[in-house]
C-alpha atoms as a PDB file:
ATOM      1  CA  MET A   1     -14.688  -7.231 -26.038  1.00  0.00           C
ATOM      2  CA  TYR A   2     -12.014  -8.401 -23.643  1.00  0.00           C
ATOM      3  CA  ARG A   3     -12.931 -11.077 -21.102  1.00  0.00           C
ATOM      4  CA  ASP A   4     -16.640 -10.275 -21.551  1.00  0.00           C
ATOM      5  CA  HIS A   5     -16.114  -6.560 -20.879  1.00  0.00           C
ATOM      6  CA  THR A   6     -16.586  -3.697 -23.314  1.00  0.00           C
ATOM      7  CA  ILE A   7     -13.379  -1.692 -23.611  1.00  0.00           C
ATOM      8  CA  ALA A   8     -12.890   1.793 -25.035  1.00  0.00           C
ATOM      9  CA  VAL A   9      -9.682   3.663 -25.770  1.00  0.00           C
ATOM     10  CA  VAL A  10      -9.386   7.453 -25.594  1.00  0.00           C
ATOM     11  CA  VAL A  11      -6.651   8.877 -27.818  1.00  0.00           C
ATOM     12  CA  PRO A  12      -5.999  12.613 -27.258  1.00  0.00           C
ATOM     13  CA  ALA A  13      -4.143  14.218 -30.142  1.00  0.00           C
ATOM     14  CA  TYR A  14      -2.749  17.651 -30.870  1.00  0.00           C
ATOM     15  CA  ASN A  15      -0.682  18.129 -34.035  1.00  0.00           C
ATOM     16  CA  GLU A  16       0.111  14.429 -34.331  1.00  0.00           C
ATOM     17  CA  GLU A  17      -0.168  14.049 -38.109  1.00  0.00           C
ATOM     18  CA  LEU A  18       3.018  11.955 -38.239  1.00  0.00           C
ATOM     19  CA  LEU A  19       2.004   9.416 -35.588  1.00  0.00           C
ATOM     20  CA  ILE A  20      -1.769   9.426 -35.117  1.00  0.00           C
ATOM     21  CA  GLN A  21      -2.407   6.910 -37.900  1.00  0.00           C
ATOM     22  CA  ASP A  22       0.115   4.423 -36.505  1.00  0.00           C
ATOM     23  CA  THR A  23      -1.405   4.881 -33.054  1.00  0.00           C
ATOM     24  CA  LEU A  24      -5.002   4.283 -34.115  1.00  0.00           C
ATOM     25  CA  LEU A  25      -4.176   1.325 -36.345  1.00  0.00           C
ATOM     26  CA  SER A  26      -2.204  -0.336 -33.549  1.00  0.00           C
ATOM     27  CA  VAL A  27      -5.187  -0.517 -31.180  1.00  0.00           C
ATOM     28  CA  PRO A  28      -5.982  -4.205 -30.498  1.00  0.00           C
ATOM     29  CA  ALA A  29      -8.948  -5.849 -32.189  1.00  0.00           C
ATOM     30  CA  TYR A  30     -10.697  -6.561 -28.869  1.00  0.00           C
ATOM     31  CA  ILE A  31     -11.256  -2.827 -28.282  1.00  0.00           C
ATOM     32  CA  ASP A  32     -14.892  -1.853 -28.925  1.00  0.00           C
ATOM     33  CA  ARG A  33     -14.544   1.933 -29.343  1.00  0.00           C
ATOM     34  CA  ILE A  34     -11.670   4.268 -30.126  1.00  0.00           C
ATOM     35  CA  TYR A  35     -12.396   7.898 -29.224  1.00  0.00           C
ATOM     36  CA  ALA A  36      -9.878   9.939 -31.195  1.00  0.00           C
ATOM     37  CA  VAL A  37     -10.002  13.447 -29.734  1.00  0.00           C
ATOM     38  CA  ASN A  38      -8.527  16.147 -31.952  1.00  0.00           C
ATOM     39  CA  ASP A  39      -7.699  19.080 -29.673  1.00  0.00           C
ATOM     40  CA  ALA A  40      -7.951  21.796 -32.354  1.00  0.00           C
ATOM     41  CA  SER A  41      -4.832  20.673 -34.207  1.00  0.00           C
ATOM     42  CA  THR A  42      -3.383  23.035 -36.790  1.00  0.00           C
ATOM     43  CA  ASP A  43      -1.929  20.264 -38.963  1.00  0.00           C
ATOM     44  CA  LYS A  44      -3.659  17.329 -40.709  1.00  0.00           C
ATOM     45  CA  THR A  45      -4.498  15.385 -37.555  1.00  0.00           C
ATOM     46  CA  ARG A  46      -8.251  15.947 -37.926  1.00  0.00           C
ATOM     47  CA  GLU A  47      -8.289  14.901 -41.582  1.00  0.00           C
ATOM     48  CA  ILE A  48      -6.347  11.720 -40.847  1.00  0.00           C
ATOM     49  CA  ILE A  49      -8.696  10.747 -38.011  1.00  0.00           C
ATOM     50  CA  GLU A  50     -11.820  11.351 -40.076  1.00  0.00           C
ATOM     51  CA  THR A  51     -10.411   9.441 -43.044  1.00  0.00           C
ATOM     52  CA  LEU A  52      -9.590   6.444 -40.865  1.00  0.00           C
ATOM     53  CA  SER A  53     -13.041   6.542 -39.246  1.00  0.00           C
ATOM     54  CA  LYS A  54     -14.635   5.915 -42.645  1.00  0.00           C
ATOM     55  CA  THR A  55     -12.935   2.534 -42.971  1.00  0.00           C
ATOM     56  CA  GLU A  56     -12.667   1.629 -39.268  1.00  0.00           C
ATOM     57  CA  SER A  57     -16.080   1.754 -37.603  1.00  0.00           C
ATOM     58  CA  ARG A  58     -14.601   1.601 -34.096  1.00  0.00           C
ATOM     59  CA  ILE A  59     -13.002   5.040 -34.482  1.00  0.00           C
ATOM     60  CA  VAL A  60     -15.221   7.860 -33.191  1.00  0.00           C
ATOM     61  CA  PRO A  61     -13.818  11.317 -34.052  1.00  0.00           C
ATOM     62  CA  ILE A  62     -14.255  14.047 -31.437  1.00  0.00           C
ATOM     63  CA  ASN A  63     -13.162  17.550 -32.404  1.00  0.00           C
ATOM     64  CA  HIS A  64     -12.433  20.555 -30.192  1.00  0.00           C
ATOM     65  CA  THR A  65     -12.905  23.972 -31.761  1.00  0.00           C
ATOM     66  CA  THR A  66     -10.262  25.487 -29.468  1.00  0.00           C
ATOM     67  CA  ASN A  67      -7.114  23.986 -28.003  1.00  0.00           C
ATOM     68  CA  SER A  68      -8.202  23.051 -24.471  1.00  0.00           C
ATOM     69  CA  GLY A  69      -5.325  20.870 -23.286  1.00  0.00           C
ATOM     70  CA  VAL A  70      -4.635  17.157 -23.069  1.00  0.00           C
ATOM     71  CA  GLY A  71      -6.645  16.791 -19.854  1.00  0.00           C
ATOM     72  CA  ALA A  72      -9.706  18.364 -21.455  1.00  0.00           C
ATOM     73  CA  ALA A  73      -9.297  16.131 -24.514  1.00  0.00           C
ATOM     74  CA  ILE A  74      -9.248  13.025 -22.337  1.00  0.00           C
ATOM     75  CA  VAL A  75     -12.313  14.223 -20.420  1.00  0.00           C
ATOM     76  CA  SER A  76     -14.190  14.611 -23.730  1.00  0.00           C
ATOM     77  CA  GLY A  77     -13.378  10.995 -24.521  1.00  0.00           C
ATOM     78  CA  TYR A  78     -14.343   9.886 -21.019  1.00  0.00           C
ATOM     79  CA  LYS A  79     -17.734  11.581 -21.271  1.00  0.00           C
ATOM     80  CA  GLN A  80     -18.495   9.929 -24.602  1.00  0.00           C
ATOM     81  CA  ALA A  81     -17.444   6.544 -23.220  1.00  0.00           C
ATOM     82  CA  ILE A  82     -19.832   7.002 -20.283  1.00  0.00           C
ATOM     83  CA  ARG A  83     -22.654   7.886 -22.673  1.00  0.00           C
ATOM     84  CA  ASP A  84     -21.852   4.766 -24.707  1.00  0.00           C
ATOM     85  CA  ASN A  85     -21.827   2.680 -21.507  1.00  0.00           C
ATOM     86  CA  GLN A  86     -18.299   1.342 -21.979  1.00  0.00           C
ATOM     87  CA  GLN A  87     -17.236  -0.718 -18.965  1.00  0.00           C
ATOM     88  CA  ILE A  88     -13.509   0.088 -18.985  1.00  0.00           C
ATOM     89  CA  ILE A  89     -11.811   3.091 -20.568  1.00  0.00           C
ATOM     90  CA  VAL A  90      -8.116   3.159 -21.469  1.00  0.00           C
ATOM     91  CA  VAL A  91      -6.063   6.248 -22.330  1.00  0.00           C
ATOM     92  CA  MET A  92      -3.347   6.039 -24.989  1.00  0.00           C
ATOM     93  CA  ALA A  93      -1.398   9.065 -26.185  1.00  0.00           C
ATOM     94  CA  GLY A  94      -1.672   9.969 -29.852  1.00  0.00           C
ATOM     95  CA  ASP A  95       2.104   9.925 -30.338  1.00  0.00           C
ATOM     96  CA  HIS A  96       2.425   6.114 -30.506  1.00  0.00           C
ATOM     97  CA  GLN A  97       4.468   6.087 -27.290  1.00  0.00           C
ATOM     98  CA  MET A  98       2.315   3.496 -25.523  1.00  0.00           C
ATOM     99  CA  ASP A  99       2.623  -0.166 -26.439  1.00  0.00           C
ATOM    100  CA  PRO A 100      -0.836  -1.684 -27.090  1.00  0.00           C
ATOM    101  CA  GLU A 101       0.549  -5.194 -26.586  1.00  0.00           C
ATOM    102  CA  VAL A 102       0.820  -4.634 -22.820  1.00  0.00           C
ATOM    103  CA  MET A 103      -2.715  -3.272 -22.433  1.00  0.00           C
ATOM    104  CA  PRO A 104      -4.047  -6.473 -20.797  1.00  0.00           C
ATOM    105  CA  ALA A 105      -1.776  -5.758 -17.818  1.00  0.00           C
ATOM    106  CA  LEU A 106      -3.871  -2.631 -17.204  1.00  0.00           C
ATOM    107  CA  LEU A 107      -7.212  -4.302 -17.891  1.00  0.00           C
ATOM    108  CA  ASP A 108      -6.919  -7.519 -15.878  1.00  0.00           C
ATOM    109  CA  PRO A 109      -6.814  -5.928 -12.379  1.00  0.00           C
ATOM    110  CA  LEU A 110      -9.990  -3.963 -13.194  1.00  0.00           C
ATOM    111  CA  ILE A 111     -11.850  -6.965 -14.572  1.00  0.00           C
ATOM    112  CA  GLU A 112     -10.779  -9.049 -11.576  1.00  0.00           C
ATOM    113  CA  LYS A 113     -11.981  -6.227  -9.286  1.00  0.00           C
ATOM    114  CA  ARG A 114      -8.564  -5.796  -7.688  1.00  0.00           C
ATOM    115  CA  ALA A 115      -8.481  -2.100  -8.605  1.00  0.00           C
ATOM    116  CA  ASP A 116     -10.645   0.724  -9.935  1.00  0.00           C
ATOM    117  CA  TYR A 117      -7.878   2.560 -11.804  1.00  0.00           C
ATOM    118  CA  THR A 118      -4.603   1.236 -13.176  1.00  0.00           C
ATOM    119  CA  LYS A 119      -1.623   3.150 -14.491  1.00  0.00           C
ATOM    120  CA  GLY A 120       1.722   2.325 -15.998  1.00  0.00           C
ATOM    121  CA  ASN A 121       4.909   2.640 -13.983  1.00  0.00           C
ATOM    122  CA  ARG A 122       8.280   2.940 -15.724  1.00  0.00           C
ATOM    123  CA  LEU A 123      10.283   3.457 -12.531  1.00  0.00           C
ATOM    124  CA  LEU A 124       9.866   0.114 -10.769  1.00  0.00           C
ATOM    125  CA  SER A 125      12.384  -1.753 -12.910  1.00  0.00           C
ATOM    126  CA  PRO A 126      15.813  -0.542 -14.149  1.00  0.00           C
ATOM    127  CA  GLU A 127      15.165  -2.547 -17.308  1.00  0.00           C
ATOM    128  CA  TYR A 128      11.854  -0.803 -17.949  1.00  0.00           C
ATOM    129  CA  ARG A 129      13.243   2.716 -17.590  1.00  0.00           C
ATOM    130  CA  LYS A 130      16.172   2.178 -19.993  1.00  0.00           C
ATOM    131  CA  GLY A 131      14.651   4.471 -22.606  1.00  0.00           C
ATOM    132  CA  MET A 132      14.132   7.318 -20.118  1.00  0.00           C
ATOM    133  CA  SER A 133      16.687  10.136 -20.106  1.00  0.00           C
ATOM    134  CA  ARG A 134      18.430  11.056 -16.848  1.00  0.00           C
ATOM    135  CA  TRP A 135      16.726  14.457 -16.644  1.00  0.00           C
ATOM    136  CA  ARG A 136      13.316  12.942 -17.348  1.00  0.00           C
ATOM    137  CA  PHE A 137      13.948  10.370 -14.609  1.00  0.00           C
ATOM    138  CA  ILE A 138      15.011  13.029 -12.067  1.00  0.00           C
ATOM    139  CA  GLY A 139      12.019  15.236 -12.874  1.00  0.00           C
ATOM    140  CA  ASN A 140       9.650  12.289 -12.692  1.00  0.00           C
ATOM    141  CA  THR A 141      11.076  11.242  -9.336  1.00  0.00           C
ATOM    142  CA  LEU A 142      10.547  14.725  -7.878  1.00  0.00           C
ATOM    143  CA  LEU A 143       6.972  14.835  -9.160  1.00  0.00           C
ATOM    144  CA  THR A 144       6.430  11.348  -7.730  1.00  0.00           C
ATOM    145  CA  ILE A 145       7.352  12.571  -4.252  1.00  0.00           C
ATOM    146  CA  MET A 146       5.116  15.647  -4.502  1.00  0.00           C
ATOM    147  CA  THR A 147       2.215  13.610  -5.871  1.00  0.00           C
ATOM    148  CA  LYS A 148       2.461  11.107  -3.007  1.00  0.00           C
ATOM    149  CA  PHE A 149       1.839  13.937  -0.522  1.00  0.00           C
ATOM    150  CA  SER A 150      -0.867  15.565  -2.606  1.00  0.00           C
ATOM    151  CA  SER A 151      -2.814  12.475  -3.678  1.00  0.00           C
ATOM    152  CA  GLY A 152      -2.397  10.276  -0.606  1.00  0.00           C
ATOM    153  CA  TYR A 153      -1.414   7.293  -2.759  1.00  0.00           C
ATOM    154  CA  TRP A 154       1.857   6.694  -0.961  1.00  0.00           C
ATOM    155  CA  LYS A 155       2.904   3.518  -2.792  1.00  0.00           C
ATOM    156  CA  LEU A 156       2.447   4.881  -6.312  1.00  0.00           C
ATOM    157  CA  MET A 157       5.249   6.122  -8.557  1.00  0.00           C
ATOM    158  CA  ASP A 158       5.585   7.634 -12.038  1.00  0.00           C
ATOM    159  CA  PRO A 159       2.453   9.823 -11.790  1.00  0.00           C
ATOM    160  CA  GLN A 160       3.190  11.386 -15.187  1.00  0.00           C
ATOM    161  CA  ASN A 161       2.575   8.080 -16.940  1.00  0.00           C
ATOM    162  CA  GLY A 162      -0.528   8.634 -19.032  1.00  0.00           C
ATOM    163  CA  TYR A 163      -1.102   4.994 -19.963  1.00  0.00           C
ATOM    164  CA  THR A 164      -4.111   4.303 -17.745  1.00  0.00           C
ATOM    165  CA  ALA A 165      -7.363   2.390 -17.460  1.00  0.00           C
ATOM    166  CA  ILE A 166     -10.415   3.163 -15.343  1.00  0.00           C
ATOM    167  CA  THR A 167     -13.775   1.566 -14.649  1.00  0.00           C
ATOM    168  CA  HIS A 168     -17.084   3.068 -15.691  1.00  0.00           C
ATOM    169  CA  ARG A 169     -18.173   3.137 -12.033  1.00  0.00           C
ATOM    170  CA  ALA A 170     -15.183   5.227 -10.962  1.00  0.00           C
ATOM    171  CA  LEU A 171     -15.607   7.681 -13.829  1.00  0.00           C
ATOM    172  CA  GLU A 172     -19.282   8.204 -13.057  1.00  0.00           C
ATOM    173  CA  ARG A 173     -18.458   9.137  -9.465  1.00  0.00           C
ATOM    174  CA  LEU A 174     -15.969  11.858 -10.443  1.00  0.00           C
ATOM    175  CA  ASN A 175     -16.836  15.411 -11.409  1.00  0.00           C
ATOM    176  CA  LEU A 176     -15.032  15.363 -14.750  1.00  0.00           C
ATOM    177  CA  ASP A 177     -15.640  19.065 -15.332  1.00  0.00           C
ATOM    178  CA  ARG A 178     -13.245  19.800 -12.457  1.00  0.00           C
ATOM    179  CA  VAL A 179     -10.345  17.721 -13.775  1.00  0.00           C
ATOM    180  CA  TYR A 180      -7.285  19.846 -14.589  1.00  0.00           C
ATOM    181  CA  PRO A 181      -7.446  20.466 -18.363  1.00  0.00           C
ATOM    182  CA  ARG A 182      -3.742  20.504 -19.257  1.00  0.00           C
ATOM    183  CA  TYR A 183      -0.572  18.567 -18.483  1.00  0.00           C
ATOM    184  CA  GLY A 184      -0.871  17.668 -14.827  1.00  0.00           C
ATOM    185  CA  TYR A 185      -4.333  16.150 -15.298  1.00  0.00           C
ATOM    186  CA  CYS A 186      -2.965  12.712 -14.329  1.00  0.00           C
ATOM    187  CA  ASN A 187      -1.781  14.048 -10.952  1.00  0.00           C
ATOM    188  CA  ASP A 188      -5.063  15.876 -10.385  1.00  0.00           C
ATOM    189  CA  LEU A 189      -7.105  12.792 -11.251  1.00  0.00           C
ATOM    190  CA  LEU A 190      -5.271  10.753  -8.616  1.00  0.00           C
ATOM    191  CA  VAL A 191      -6.247  13.296  -5.963  1.00  0.00           C
ATOM    192  CA  LYS A 192      -9.903  13.117  -6.944  1.00  0.00           C
ATOM    193  CA  LEU A 193      -9.842   9.310  -6.986  1.00  0.00           C
ATOM    194  CA  ASN A 194      -8.408   9.237  -3.467  1.00  0.00           C
ATOM    195  CA  VAL A 195     -11.166  11.490  -2.131  1.00  0.00           C
ATOM    196  CA  PHE A 196     -13.681   8.727  -2.914  1.00  0.00           C
ATOM    197  CA  GLY A 197     -11.406   5.898  -1.798  1.00  0.00           C
ATOM    198  CA  PHE A 198     -10.933   4.285  -5.203  1.00  0.00           C
ATOM    199  CA  ARG A 199      -8.208   1.649  -5.447  1.00  0.00           C
ATOM    200  CA  VAL A 200      -5.347   2.650  -7.725  1.00  0.00           C
ATOM    201  CA  MET A 201      -2.754   0.142  -8.886  1.00  0.00           C
ATOM    202  CA  ASP A 202       0.671   0.684 -10.431  1.00  0.00           C
ATOM    203  CA  VAL A 203       1.528  -1.789 -13.194  1.00  0.00           C
ATOM    204  CA  GLU A 204       5.099  -2.314 -14.373  1.00  0.00           C
ATOM    205  CA  LEU A 205       5.323  -1.174 -17.991  1.00  0.00           C
ATOM    206  CA  PRO A 206       8.408  -0.312 -20.063  1.00  0.00           C
ATOM    207  CA  ALA A 207       9.176   3.164 -21.330  1.00  0.00           C
ATOM    208  CA  ARG A 208       8.969   3.441 -25.106  1.00  0.00           C
ATOM    209  CA  TYR A 209      10.345   6.475 -26.929  1.00  0.00           C
ATOM    210  CA  GLY A 210      10.575   6.899 -30.665  1.00  0.00           C
ATOM    211  CA  ARG A 211       9.763   9.652 -33.151  1.00  0.00           C
ATOM    212  CA  GLU A 212       7.482  11.627 -30.829  1.00  0.00           C
ATOM    213  CA  THR A 213       8.518  15.083 -29.636  1.00  0.00           C
ATOM    214  CA  SER A 214       7.446  16.417 -26.259  1.00  0.00           C
ATOM    215  CA  LYS A 215       5.128  19.435 -26.317  1.00  0.00           C
ATOM    216  CA  ILE A 216       5.744  20.198 -22.644  1.00  0.00           C
ATOM    217  CA  ARG A 217       7.484  23.460 -21.753  1.00  0.00           C
ATOM    218  CA  TYR A 218       9.232  22.139 -18.698  1.00  0.00           C
ATOM    219  CA  GLY A 219       9.827  25.476 -16.955  1.00  0.00           C
ATOM    220  CA  ASN A 220       6.147  26.411 -16.970  1.00  0.00           C
ATOM    221  CA  TYR A 221       5.122  22.800 -16.452  1.00  0.00           C
ATOM    222  CA  ILE A 222       7.042  22.302 -13.214  1.00  0.00           C
ATOM    223  CA  VAL A 223       5.752  25.569 -11.755  1.00  0.00           C
ATOM    224  CA  SER A 224       2.122  24.966 -12.728  1.00  0.00           C
ATOM    225  CA  VAL A 225       2.045  21.325 -11.605  1.00  0.00           C
ATOM    226  CA  SER A 226       3.761  22.140  -8.298  1.00  0.00           C
ATOM    227  CA  TRP A 227       1.140  24.809  -7.575  1.00  0.00           C
ATOM    228  CA  LEU A 228      -1.612  22.394  -8.665  1.00  0.00           C
ATOM    229  CA  LEU A 229      -0.339  19.708  -6.284  1.00  0.00           C
ATOM    230  CA  PHE A 230      -0.104  22.219  -3.431  1.00  0.00           C
ATOM    231  CA  ARG A 231      -3.753  23.230  -3.909  1.00  0.00           C
ATOM    232  CA  ASP A 232      -4.858  19.634  -4.440  1.00  0.00           C
ATOM    233  CA  PHE A 233      -3.330  18.592  -1.117  1.00  0.00           C
ATOM    234  CA  PHE A 234      -5.638  20.941   0.797  1.00  0.00           C
ATOM    235  CA  TYR A 235      -8.564  20.047  -1.472  1.00  0.00           C
ATOM    236  CA  ARG A 236      -8.104  16.366  -0.604  1.00  0.00           C
ATOM    237  CA  LEU A 237      -7.880  17.021   3.137  1.00  0.00           C
ATOM    238  CA  ARG A 238     -11.002  19.173   3.075  1.00  0.00           C
ATOM    239  CA  GLN A 239     -13.117  16.860   0.910  1.00  0.00           C
ATOM    240  CA  LYS A 240     -12.028  13.500   2.287  1.00  0.00           C
ATOM    241  CA  TYR A 241     -11.497  14.237   5.967  1.00  0.00           C
ATOM    242  CA  ILE A 242     -13.978  17.058   6.635  1.00  0.00           C
ATOM    243  CA  VAL A 243     -16.778  17.089   4.027  1.00  0.00           C
ATOM    244  CA  LEU A 244     -17.252  13.359   3.329  1.00  0.00           C
ATOM    245  CA  SER A 245     -16.104  12.132   6.745  1.00  0.00           C
ATOM    246  CA  PHE A 246     -13.962  13.264   9.651  1.00  0.00           C
ATOM    247  CA  HIS A 247     -10.488  12.244  10.731  1.00  0.00           C
ATOM    248  CA  PRO A 248      -8.303  13.882  13.426  1.00  0.00           C
ATOM    249  CA  LEU A 249      -5.325  13.948  11.060  1.00  0.00           C
ATOM    250  CA  VAL A 250      -6.676  17.286   9.786  1.00  0.00           C
ATOM    251  CA  ILE A 251      -6.192  18.742  13.273  1.00  0.00           C
ATOM    252  CA  PHE A 252      -2.707  17.266  13.435  1.00  0.00           C
ATOM    253  CA  TYR A 253      -1.850  18.831  10.068  1.00  0.00           C
ATOM    254  CA  LEU A 254      -3.196  22.226  11.182  1.00  0.00           C
ATOM    255  CA  PHE A 255      -1.470  22.281  14.566  1.00  0.00           C
ATOM    256  CA  GLY A 256       1.710  20.824  13.108  1.00  0.00           C
ATOM    257  CA  SER A 257       1.906  23.409  10.342  1.00  0.00           C
ATOM    258  CA  PHE A 258       1.150  26.277  12.720  1.00  0.00           C
ATOM    259  CA  LEU A 259       3.650  25.208  15.388  1.00  0.00           C
ATOM    260  CA  THR A 260       6.382  24.402  12.867  1.00  0.00           C
ATOM    261  CA  LEU A 261       6.012  27.808  11.242  1.00  0.00           C
ATOM    262  CA  LEU A 262       5.831  29.518  14.645  1.00  0.00           C
ATOM    263  CA  GLY A 263       8.967  27.726  15.816  1.00  0.00           C
ATOM    264  CA  LEU A 264      10.801  28.648  12.621  1.00  0.00           C
ATOM    265  CA  CYS A 265       9.855  32.323  12.943  1.00  0.00           C
ATOM    266  CA  ALA A 266      10.803  32.306  16.623  1.00  0.00           C
ATOM    267  CA  GLY A 267      14.138  30.758  15.731  1.00  0.00           C
ATOM    268  CA  LEU A 268      14.860  33.439  13.144  1.00  0.00           C
ATOM    269  CA  TYR A 269      13.956  36.128  15.680  1.00  0.00           C
ATOM    270  CA  THR A 270      16.261  34.468  18.210  1.00  0.00           C
ATOM    271  CA  VAL A 271      19.150  34.632  15.742  1.00  0.00           C
ATOM    272  CA  TYR A 272      18.410  38.322  15.156  1.00  0.00           C
ATOM    273  CA  PHE A 273      18.102  38.956  18.920  1.00  0.00           C
ATOM    274  CA  VAL A 274      21.450  37.304  19.660  1.00  0.00           C
ATOM    275  CA  LEU A 275      23.491  38.627  16.731  1.00  0.00           C
ATOM    276  CA  ILE A 276      22.106  42.154  16.438  1.00  0.00           C
ATOM    277  CA  GLU A 277      20.998  43.019  19.970  1.00  0.00           C
ATOM    278  CA  ASN A 278      23.527  40.795  21.788  1.00  0.00           C
ATOM    279  CA  GLY A 279      20.750  39.253  23.894  1.00  0.00           C
ATOM    280  CA  PRO A 280      20.852  35.907  25.744  1.00  0.00           C
ATOM    281  CA  LEU A 281      20.412  32.769  23.644  1.00  0.00           C
ATOM    282  CA  PHE A 282      19.365  29.983  25.995  1.00  0.00           C
ATOM    283  CA  ILE A 283      15.707  30.654  26.883  1.00  0.00           C
ATOM    284  CA  ARG A 284      14.611  31.927  23.467  1.00  0.00           C
ATOM    285  CA  GLY A 285      16.646  29.286  21.651  1.00  0.00           C
ATOM    286  CA  VAL A 286      15.298  26.367  23.661  1.00  0.00           C
ATOM    287  CA  LEU A 287      11.708  27.629  23.418  1.00  0.00           C
ATOM    288  CA  SER A 288      11.968  28.080  19.636  1.00  0.00           C
ATOM    289  CA  LEU A 289      13.453  24.618  19.204  1.00  0.00           C
ATOM    290  CA  LEU A 290      10.800  23.051  21.435  1.00  0.00           C
ATOM    291  CA  ILE A 291       7.920  24.640  19.498  1.00  0.00           C
ATOM    292  CA  PHE A 292       9.504  23.591  16.202  1.00  0.00           C
ATOM    293  CA  ALA A 293      10.028  20.006  17.418  1.00  0.00           C
ATOM    294  CA  ILE A 294       6.438  19.697  18.663  1.00  0.00           C
ATOM    295  CA  GLY A 295       5.207  20.983  15.307  1.00  0.00           C
ATOM    296  CA  LEU A 296       7.258  18.371  13.455  1.00  0.00           C
ATOM    297  CA  GLN A 297       5.881  15.687  15.747  1.00  0.00           C
ATOM    298  CA  PHE A 298       2.302  16.720  14.973  1.00  0.00           C
ATOM    299  CA  LEU A 299       3.097  16.643  11.237  1.00  0.00           C
ATOM    300  CA  SER A 300       4.706  13.217  11.577  1.00  0.00           C
ATOM    301  CA  PHE A 301       1.593  11.808  13.242  1.00  0.00           C
ATOM    302  CA  ALA A 302      -0.582  13.392  10.545  1.00  0.00           C
ATOM    303  CA  LEU A 303       1.508  11.753   7.817  1.00  0.00           C
ATOM    304  CA  LEU A 304       1.340   8.413   9.610  1.00  0.00           C
ATOM    305  CA  PHE A 305      -2.457   8.613   9.838  1.00  0.00           C
ATOM    306  CA  ASP A 306      -2.668   9.640   6.178  1.00  0.00           C
ATOM    307  CA  ILE A 307      -0.519   6.715   5.048  1.00  0.00           C
ATOM    308  CA  GLN A 308      -2.573   4.259   7.112  1.00  0.00           C
ATOM    309  CA  GLU A 309      -5.846   5.581   5.676  1.00  0.00           C
ATOM    310  CA  SER A 310      -4.662   4.877   2.103  1.00  0.00           C
ATOM    311  CA  ARG A 311      -2.724   1.658   2.603  1.00  0.00           C
ATOM    312  CA  ASP A 312      -5.518  -0.536   1.188  1.00  0.00           C
ATOM    313  CA  ILE A 313      -6.222   1.614  -1.878  1.00  0.00           C
ATOM    314  CA  SER A 314      -2.634   2.294  -2.988  1.00  0.00           C
ATOM    315  CA  LEU A 315      -1.528  -0.880  -4.777  1.00  0.00           C
ATOM    316  CA  VAL A 316       1.357  -2.190  -6.867  1.00  0.00           C
ATOM    317  CA  ASP A 317       1.150  -5.121  -9.290  1.00  0.00           C
ATOM    318  CA  TRP A 318       4.529  -6.886  -9.461  1.00  0.00           C
ATOM    319  CA  SER A 319       3.324  -9.686 -11.721  1.00  0.00           C
ATOM    320  CA  GLU A 320       4.519  -8.157 -15.005  1.00  0.00           C
END
C-alpha cells in the first residue's frame, strides 16, 4: 500500500522479451498488484511473465489470444483492477521507459483528492525533454494542440505520455469497452474523462529513452489519431453539452462552423466571378468577408465558453 491506499500497476506488453523482466522487477514494493497484460506476443514475453509470477505473487498474468492493441491491453488490466477493488491504478509501459521512482508524483494528487487522473508531461521543462528527439517533440506538440480542442483540457500537454494514474471511482464511471483499442487510447481517454467532468492533472516527469524500439508506424498513426480526435470532438460536444446537460456553446459552434464555411465558399465564388466573368468585386467581396468574420466570431465565443467550462478540471502540478 501507499499512504493507506491500494495501488495497482497495469503493464501492457507486446513482444517485449528484452525489457519486460526489467520493467516488472522495477515496480516499487508498495504496489499491491501488477497486471502484466501480454497482447498476444509472438516472442517469449508470455513465458517470462508467467515465470516471474511464480516467484512474485503480486504479478497477475493476463493473456490476449489475439493482438488487440495497447489500448485494449490497458483496458483488460483496468477491468481486473476494478474487480480486485484497487483504489488507484497506474499504467507503465512494458518497455522499461517509465521511471518507477517518480511514481509518487502521480499518486499524491489522487490520494490528496486534487485530481481524478494524473499523467506525465515531458514538455513543461527543457531539462525534462532532453532525451526527446526533435521530430518526436514536433509531432507531440502538434498532437497536443489537436488534443486540446478534442478533449477540452486546454491546459494539458504531452497527451501521448502513457505514464498515468487514475482513481477507481473515475474508472467505474467510464465505459471501458468504448475506449480506443490502439495507439491513441490516451487521447481518447481524455475526451471521455472530460465528458464526466473529471479533474486531470499534468505532472512534470522527465523523458527516459533507452533500449526500447517504437512499434508505432507514424504515417498511419498520425492519420488515424487525427481522425479519432476529429470524431471525439463532436462526441464530447454531444455527450457533455447536449445529452448530460445543455450549454449554448454548441449553438455557437454550429452557427460559427456554418457561417465560416459559407463565407469561405462565397469568397471562392467571388474570386471566380471577378476573374472569370469580370464581374464587380465590392458587394460580393464585402458580403463574403462579413459572413466569414461573423462565423469566426461565433467560433471564438464557442472556444471561450469551452475553455471556461474546463478551467477547474484541467490542472498542472508544478511542484516536481
